C-alpha atoms as a PDB file:
ATOM      1  CA  MET A   1      42.687 137.185  96.754  1.00  0.00           C
ATOM      2  CA  LYS A   2      40.640 139.062  98.843  1.00  0.00           C
ATOM      3  CA  GLY A   3      39.703 137.753 101.986  1.00  0.00           C
ATOM      4  CA  GLY A   4      36.894 140.561 103.370  1.00  0.00           C
ATOM      5  CA  PRO A   5      36.557 142.919 105.908  1.00  0.00           C
ATOM      6  CA  GLY A   6      38.603 142.740 108.842  1.00  0.00           C
ATOM      7  CA  LEU A   7      37.174 142.702 112.561  1.00  0.00           C
ATOM      8  CA  LYS A   8      38.645 143.682 115.797  1.00  0.00           C
ATOM      9  CA  ASP A   9      38.217 141.660 119.085  1.00  0.00           C
ATOM     10  CA  LYS A  10      37.854 144.573 122.090  1.00  0.00           C
ATOM     11  CA  ASN A  11      40.310 142.509 123.745  1.00  0.00           C
ATOM     12  CA  ASP A  12      42.741 142.368 121.177  1.00  0.00           C
ATOM     13  CA  ARG A  13      43.709 145.188 118.626  1.00  0.00           C
ATOM     14  CA  GLN A  14      44.506 142.777 115.685  1.00  0.00           C
ATOM     15  CA  PRO A  15      42.284 142.672 112.823  1.00  0.00           C
ATOM     16  CA  TYR A  16      41.545 139.062 112.020  1.00  0.00           C
ATOM     17  CA  LEU A  17      38.537 137.657 109.325  1.00  0.00           C
ATOM     18  CA  SER A  18      35.350 135.825 110.393  1.00  0.00           C
ATOM     19  CA  ALA A  19      35.158 132.252 109.822  1.00  0.00           C
ATOM     20  CA  GLN A  20      33.313 132.245 106.467  1.00  0.00           C
ATOM     21  CA  ASP A  21      35.413 134.959 105.224  1.00  0.00           C
ATOM     22  CA  VAL A  22      38.772 132.558 106.184  1.00  0.00           C
ATOM     23  CA  PHE A  23      36.684 129.492 104.957  1.00  0.00           C
ATOM     24  CA  ASN A  24      35.806 131.420 101.550  1.00  0.00           C
ATOM     25  CA  LEU A  25      39.239 132.803 100.793  1.00  0.00           C
ATOM     26  CA  THR A  26      41.037 129.500 101.725  1.00  0.00           C
ATOM     27  CA  ARG A  27      38.442 127.282  99.574  1.00  0.00           C
ATOM     28  CA  THR A  28      39.177 129.857  96.753  1.00  0.00           C
ATOM     29  CA  ALA A  29      42.859 129.212  97.042  1.00  0.00           C
ATOM     30  CA  LEU A  30      42.523 125.282  97.096  1.00  0.00           C
ATOM     31  CA  GLN A  31      40.239 125.572  94.576  1.00  0.00           C
ATOM     32  CA  SER A  32      43.078 127.509  91.955  1.00  0.00           C
ATOM     33  CA  TYR A  33      45.642 124.735  93.399  1.00  0.00           C
ATOM     34  CA  LYS A  34      43.273 121.888  92.429  1.00  0.00           C
ATOM     35  CA  ARG A  35      42.783 123.239  89.112  1.00  0.00           C
ATOM     36  CA  GLU A  36      46.363 124.111  88.435  1.00  0.00           C
ATOM     37  CA  HIS A  37      47.740 120.567  89.760  1.00  0.00           C
ATOM     38  CA  GLY A  38      44.625 118.236  89.449  1.00  0.00           C
ATOM     39  CA  ASN A  39      44.133 117.532  93.168  1.00  0.00           C
ATOM     40  CA  HIS A  40      44.325 119.264  96.585  1.00  0.00           C
ATOM     41  CA  PRO A  41      47.641 119.230  98.379  1.00  0.00           C
ATOM     42  CA  ALA A  42      48.507 116.795 101.215  1.00  0.00           C
ATOM     43  CA  ARG A  43      49.105 119.429 103.728  1.00  0.00           C
ATOM     44  CA  LEU A  44      48.121 122.807 104.237  1.00  0.00           C
ATOM     45  CA  VAL A  45      50.470 125.545 105.746  1.00  0.00           C
ATOM     46  CA  ILE A  46      49.058 129.176 106.825  1.00  0.00           C
ATOM     47  CA  HIS A  47      51.646 131.689 107.627  1.00  0.00           C
ATOM     48  CA  LYS A  48      50.529 134.667 109.759  1.00  0.00           C
ATOM     49  CA  THR A  49      52.412 137.876 111.313  1.00  0.00           C
ATOM     50  CA  SER A  50      49.424 138.084 113.738  1.00  0.00           C
ATOM     51  CA  ARG A  51      47.993 135.753 116.120  1.00  0.00           C
ATOM     52  CA  PHE A  52      45.383 133.118 115.103  1.00  0.00           C
ATOM     53  CA  HIS A  53      41.939 134.280 116.238  1.00  0.00           C
ATOM     54  CA  ALA A  54      39.806 131.130 117.437  1.00  0.00           C
ATOM     55  CA  GLU A  55      37.066 132.018 114.796  1.00  0.00           C
ATOM     56  CA  GLU A  56      40.123 132.285 112.015  1.00  0.00           C
ATOM     57  CA  LYS A  57      41.294 128.616 113.045  1.00  0.00           C
ATOM     58  CA  VAL A  58      37.691 127.493 112.483  1.00  0.00           C
ATOM     59  CA  GLY A  59      37.472 128.698 109.042  1.00  0.00           C
ATOM     60  CA  PHE A  60      40.587 127.220 107.900  1.00  0.00           C
ATOM     61  CA  ASP A  61      39.850 123.649 109.781  1.00  0.00           C
ATOM     62  CA  LYS A  62      36.664 123.745 107.572  1.00  0.00           C
ATOM     63  CA  ALA A  63      37.990 124.514 104.656  1.00  0.00           C
ATOM     64  CA  ALA A  64      40.823 121.873 105.029  1.00  0.00           C
ATOM     65  CA  GLU A  65      38.288 119.485 106.051  1.00  0.00           C
ATOM     66  CA  ALA A  66      35.993 120.273 102.851  1.00  0.00           C
ATOM     67  CA  SER A  67      39.068 119.399 100.943  1.00  0.00           C
ATOM     68  CA  GLU A  68      40.066 116.504 102.425  1.00  0.00           C
ATOM     69  CA  ILE A  69      43.420 118.019 103.968  1.00  0.00           C
ATOM     70  CA  GLU A  70      44.353 115.797 107.138  1.00  0.00           C
ATOM     71  CA  ILE A  71      47.531 117.774 107.730  1.00  0.00           C
ATOM     72  CA  ALA A  72      47.076 121.416 108.497  1.00  0.00           C
ATOM     73  CA  ASP A  73      49.782 123.900 110.501  1.00  0.00           C
ATOM     74  CA  PHE A  74      49.212 127.304 111.610  1.00  0.00           C
ATOM     75  CA  ILE A  75      52.285 129.372 111.867  1.00  0.00           C
ATOM     76  CA  TRP A  76      52.577 132.839 113.549  1.00  0.00           C
ATOM     77  CA  VAL A  77      55.762 134.613 112.540  1.00  0.00           C
ATOM     78  CA  PRO A  78      56.117 137.490 114.919  1.00  0.00           C
END
């Protein structure tokens, strides 16, 4: 799966995705999961090796909400 073009914040050199790109990527993954298992997962866990940008968090939260996932964990693994 492809997430979209990486963006850079002027205060942080780490690339990140826009809220819309994160939403699209996450929704695509969750829809694939649902096709395979017949339902969405009860919990969404996202791991990243860079910090979560606020815009990314918005996209992940909206995708989880759209899929009626109540538990979402965002883990930064430095």
